[in-house]
């Protein structure tokens, strides 16, 4: 995998995580630090269900659009820290308190940070003035 392609793929993984409302995202460039991988992408989730959902979104994005599967996956049963190892980069998804405990950003403090992708959120459409379905669903006041 080329260096530029790897970074693009890491950013695609980050965009998938952010799309699932991952918190406190960080991409660390480890290439100058003689690490075992080129990049870490680190994210937090508010619950074990969200951590699992974020990991599923990342795996789905990379399988469908990049034809890449994780070489190794850890933590899916407990879902307080899921690790997705793609060899050239590793995605870490933590529950917030677990992330604070391990503090990978401190361990790799010398790594350069890479700018995260910015996703534009599309606002929900305003319901029509007389949209009966919206009234039934409680989305619109009478």
C-alpha atoms as a PDB file:
ATOM      1  CA  UNK A   1       0.000   0.000   0.000  1.00  0.00           C
ATOM      2  CA  UNK A   2       1.402   3.406  -0.878  1.00  0.00           C
ATOM      3  CA  UNK A   3       1.996   5.981   1.830  1.00  0.00           C
ATOM      4  CA  UNK A   4      -0.566   8.430   0.393  1.00  0.00           C
ATOM      5  CA  UNK A   5      -3.118   5.643  -0.074  1.00  0.00           C
ATOM      6  CA  UNK A   6      -2.661   4.569   3.559  1.00  0.00           C
ATOM      7  CA  UNK A   7      -3.318   8.075   4.871  1.00  0.00           C
ATOM      8  CA  UNK A   8      -6.382   8.398   2.634  1.00  0.00           C
ATOM      9  CA  UNK A   9      -7.682   5.093   3.979  1.00  0.00           C
ATOM     10  CA  UNK A  10      -7.041   6.151   7.594  1.00  0.00           C
ATOM     11  CA  UNK A  11      -9.022   9.326   6.933  1.00  0.00           C
ATOM     12  CA  UNK A  12     -11.846   7.255   5.397  1.00  0.00           C
ATOM     13  CA  UNK A  13     -11.894   5.135   8.564  1.00  0.00           C
ATOM     14  CA  UNK A  14     -11.961   8.326  10.632  1.00  0.00           C
ATOM     15  CA  UNK A  15     -14.845   9.720   8.579  1.00  0.00           C
ATOM     16  CA  UNK A  16     -16.808   6.501   9.175  1.00  0.00           C
ATOM     17  CA  UNK A  17     -16.140   6.756  12.921  1.00  0.00           C
ATOM     18  CA  UNK A  18     -17.108  10.419  13.028  1.00  0.00           C
ATOM     19  CA  UNK A  19     -20.244   9.576  11.072  1.00  0.00           C
ATOM     20  CA  UNK A  20     -21.227   7.323  13.975  1.00  0.00           C
ATOM     21  CA  UNK A  21     -20.627  10.217  16.369  1.00  0.00           C
ATOM     22  CA  UNK A  22     -17.260   9.026  17.659  1.00  0.00           C
ATOM     23  CA  UNK A  23     -15.792  11.506  20.116  1.00  0.00           C
ATOM     24  CA  UNK A  24     -12.334  13.015  20.578  1.00  0.00           C
ATOM     25  CA  UNK A  25     -10.893  11.640  17.349  1.00  0.00           C
ATOM     26  CA  UNK A  26      -7.149  11.719  16.820  1.00  0.00           C
ATOM     27  CA  UNK A  27      -4.922  10.418  14.020  1.00  0.00           C
ATOM     28  CA  UNK A  28      -1.279  10.003  15.004  1.00  0.00           C
ATOM     29  CA  UNK A  29       1.476   9.725  12.386  1.00  0.00           C
ATOM     30  CA  UNK A  30       3.941   7.170  13.767  1.00  0.00           C
ATOM     31  CA  UNK A  31       6.180   6.834  10.702  1.00  0.00           C
ATOM     32  CA  UNK A  32       9.045   8.881  12.157  1.00  0.00           C
ATOM     33  CA  UNK A  33       8.950   7.025  15.486  1.00  0.00           C
ATOM     34  CA  UNK A  34       9.958   3.560  14.302  1.00  0.00           C
ATOM     35  CA  UNK A  35       6.592   2.195  15.336  1.00  0.00           C
ATOM     36  CA  UNK A  36       5.164  -1.146  14.269  1.00  0.00           C
ATOM     37  CA  UNK A  37       2.557   0.676  12.162  1.00  0.00           C
ATOM     38  CA  UNK A  38       2.349   3.973  10.287  1.00  0.00           C
ATOM     39  CA  UNK A  39      -0.765   5.494  11.896  1.00  0.00           C
ATOM     40  CA  UNK A  40      -3.027   5.212  14.902  1.00  0.00           C
ATOM     41  CA  UNK A  41      -6.608   6.449  14.665  1.00  0.00           C
ATOM     42  CA  UNK A  42      -8.089   6.807  18.146  1.00  0.00           C
ATOM     43  CA  UNK A  43     -11.729   7.465  19.025  1.00  0.00           C
ATOM     44  CA  UNK A  44     -14.068   7.304  22.012  1.00  0.00           C
ATOM     45  CA  UNK A  45     -17.645   6.174  22.361  1.00  0.00           C
ATOM     46  CA  UNK A  46     -20.118   6.941  25.125  1.00  0.00           C
ATOM     47  CA  UNK A  47     -21.307   3.333  25.566  1.00  0.00           C
ATOM     48  CA  UNK A  48     -20.256  -0.191  24.659  1.00  0.00           C
ATOM     49  CA  UNK A  49     -23.022  -0.241  22.038  1.00  0.00           C
ATOM     50  CA  UNK A  50     -21.660   2.928  20.446  1.00  0.00           C
ATOM     51  CA  UNK A  51     -18.093   1.559  20.530  1.00  0.00           C
ATOM     52  CA  UNK A  52     -19.313  -1.537  18.671  1.00  0.00           C
ATOM     53  CA  UNK A  53     -21.283   0.610  16.204  1.00  0.00           C
ATOM     54  CA  UNK A  54     -18.253   2.774  15.464  1.00  0.00           C
ATOM     55  CA  UNK A  55     -16.090  -0.298  14.844  1.00  0.00           C
ATOM     56  CA  UNK A  56     -18.739  -1.795  12.549  1.00  0.00           C
ATOM     57  CA  UNK A  57     -18.911   1.455  10.565  1.00  0.00           C
ATOM     58  CA  UNK A  58     -15.122   1.490  10.124  1.00  0.00           C
ATOM     59  CA  UNK A  59     -14.973  -2.165   9.059  1.00  0.00           C
ATOM     60  CA  UNK A  60     -17.878  -1.676   6.644  1.00  0.00           C
ATOM     61  CA  UNK A  61     -16.334   1.448   5.089  1.00  0.00           C
ATOM     62  CA  UNK A  62     -12.969  -0.196   4.516  1.00  0.00           C
ATOM     63  CA  UNK A  63     -14.421  -3.464   3.216  1.00  0.00           C
ATOM     64  CA  UNK A  64     -16.934  -1.884   0.838  1.00  0.00           C
ATOM     65  CA  UNK A  65     -14.932   1.040  -0.493  1.00  0.00           C
ATOM     66  CA  UNK A  66     -11.313  -0.077  -0.072  1.00  0.00           C
ATOM     67  CA  UNK A  67     -11.564  -3.892  -0.235  1.00  0.00           C
ATOM     68  CA  UNK A  68      -9.624  -4.081   3.054  1.00  0.00           C
ATOM     69  CA  UNK A  69     -10.379  -6.292   6.024  1.00  0.00           C
ATOM     70  CA  UNK A  70      -8.669  -6.036   9.388  1.00  0.00           C
ATOM     71  CA  UNK A  71      -5.687  -8.320   9.685  1.00  0.00           C
ATOM     72  CA  UNK A  72      -6.458  -8.628  13.377  1.00  0.00           C
ATOM     73  CA  UNK A  73      -9.392  -7.566  15.559  1.00  0.00           C
ATOM     74  CA  UNK A  74      -9.567  -7.474  19.362  1.00  0.00           C
ATOM     75  CA  UNK A  75     -12.080  -6.508  22.020  1.00  0.00           C
ATOM     76  CA  UNK A  76     -15.423  -7.084  20.295  1.00  0.00           C
ATOM     77  CA  UNK A  77     -16.875  -9.148  23.167  1.00  0.00           C
ATOM     78  CA  UNK A  78     -16.257  -6.630  25.907  1.00  0.00           C
ATOM     79  CA  UNK A  79     -16.481  -3.514  23.713  1.00  0.00           C
ATOM     80  CA  UNK A  80     -14.642  -1.187  26.092  1.00  0.00           C
ATOM     81  CA  UNK A  81     -11.664  -1.100  23.698  1.00  0.00           C
ATOM     82  CA  UNK A  82     -11.886  -2.422  20.172  1.00  0.00           C
ATOM     83  CA  UNK A  83      -8.702  -2.594  18.124  1.00  0.00           C
ATOM     84  CA  UNK A  84      -8.798  -2.974  14.330  1.00  0.00           C
ATOM     85  CA  UNK A  85      -5.340  -3.735  12.919  1.00  0.00           C
ATOM     86  CA  UNK A  86      -4.939  -3.039   9.199  1.00  0.00           C
ATOM     87  CA  UNK A  87      -1.126  -3.543   9.376  1.00  0.00           C
ATOM     88  CA  UNK A  88      -0.214  -0.077   8.019  1.00  0.00           C
ATOM     89  CA  UNK A  89      -2.569   1.548  10.509  1.00  0.00           C
ATOM     90  CA  UNK A  90      -4.488   0.606  13.643  1.00  0.00           C
ATOM     91  CA  UNK A  91      -7.886   1.946  14.688  1.00  0.00           C
ATOM     92  CA  UNK A  92      -8.555   2.101  18.447  1.00  0.00           C
ATOM     93  CA  UNK A  93     -12.096   2.705  19.702  1.00  0.00           C
ATOM     94  CA  UNK A  94     -12.456   3.120  23.466  1.00  0.00           C
ATOM     95  CA  UNK A  95     -15.031   3.794  26.099  1.00  0.00           C
ATOM     96  CA  UNK A  96     -13.979   7.209  27.434  1.00  0.00           C
ATOM     97  CA  UNK A  97     -12.814   5.977  30.864  1.00  0.00           C
ATOM     98  CA  UNK A  98     -10.786   3.134  29.298  1.00  0.00           C
ATOM     99  CA  UNK A  99      -9.166   5.595  26.900  1.00  0.00           C
ATOM    100  CA  UNK A 100      -8.204   7.846  29.817  1.00  0.00           C
ATOM    101  CA  UNK A 101      -6.634   4.860  31.588  1.00  0.00           C
ATOM    102  CA  UNK A 102      -4.446   3.748  28.663  1.00  0.00           C
ATOM    103  CA  UNK A 103      -3.815   7.273  27.341  1.00  0.00           C
ATOM    104  CA  UNK A 104      -2.222   6.268  24.032  1.00  0.00           C
ATOM    105  CA  UNK A 105      -1.817   9.925  23.100  1.00  0.00           C
ATOM    106  CA  UNK A 106       0.588  10.346  26.043  1.00  0.00           C
ATOM    107  CA  UNK A 107       2.493   7.168  25.163  1.00  0.00           C
ATOM    108  CA  UNK A 108       2.908   8.403  21.578  1.00  0.00           C
ATOM    109  CA  UNK A 109       3.176  12.112  22.482  1.00  0.00           C
ATOM    110  CA  UNK A 110       6.022  12.668  19.997  1.00  0.00           C
ATOM    111  CA  UNK A 111       3.823  11.608  17.069  1.00  0.00           C
ATOM    112  CA  UNK A 112       2.578  14.273  14.725  1.00  0.00           C
ATOM    113  CA  UNK A 113      -1.182  14.709  14.649  1.00  0.00           C
ATOM    114  CA  UNK A 114      -2.988  14.486  11.317  1.00  0.00           C
ATOM    115  CA  UNK A 115      -5.992  16.664  10.624  1.00  0.00           C
ATOM    116  CA  UNK A 116      -9.274  14.787  10.868  1.00  0.00           C
ATOM    117  CA  UNK A 117     -11.795  14.872   8.022  1.00  0.00           C
ATOM    118  CA  UNK A 118     -14.691  17.283   8.499  1.00  0.00           C
ATOM    119  CA  UNK A 119     -18.143  15.936   7.792  1.00  0.00           C
ATOM    120  CA  UNK A 120     -20.954  18.248   6.838  1.00  0.00           C
ATOM    121  CA  UNK A 121     -24.209  17.376   8.530  1.00  0.00           C
ATOM    122  CA  UNK A 122     -27.309  17.720   6.401  1.00  0.00           C
ATOM    123  CA  UNK A 123     -30.099  19.294   8.452  1.00  0.00           C
ATOM    124  CA  UNK A 124     -33.364  17.395   8.690  1.00  0.00           C
ATOM    125  CA  UNK A 125     -36.032  18.778   6.359  1.00  0.00           C
ATOM    126  CA  UNK A 126     -38.791  20.870   7.886  1.00  0.00           C
ATOM    127  CA  UNK A 127     -42.095  18.993   7.920  1.00  0.00           C
ATOM    128  CA  UNK A 128     -44.845  20.283   5.656  1.00  0.00           C
ATOM    129  CA  UNK A 129     -47.413  22.530   7.351  1.00  0.00           C
ATOM    130  CA  UNK A 130     -50.062  19.793   7.203  1.00  0.00           C
ATOM    131  CA  UNK A 131     -47.930  16.664   7.339  1.00  0.00           C
ATOM    132  CA  UNK A 132     -50.197  14.128   9.104  1.00  0.00           C
ATOM    133  CA  UNK A 133     -47.396  11.555   9.437  1.00  0.00           C
ATOM    134  CA  UNK A 134     -45.233  14.092  11.262  1.00  0.00           C
ATOM    135  CA  UNK A 135     -48.146  14.886  13.585  1.00  0.00           C
ATOM    136  CA  UNK A 136     -48.648  11.199  14.349  1.00  0.00           C
ATOM    137  CA  UNK A 137     -44.939  10.693  15.026  1.00  0.00           C
ATOM    138  CA  UNK A 138     -44.815  13.757  17.254  1.00  0.00           C
ATOM    139  CA  UNK A 139     -42.434  15.592  14.939  1.00  0.00           C
ATOM    140  CA  UNK A 140     -44.796  18.490  14.413  1.00  0.00           C
ATOM    141  CA  UNK A 141     -47.159  20.389  16.671  1.00  0.00           C
ATOM    142  CA  UNK A 142     -50.761  20.919  15.645  1.00  0.00           C
END
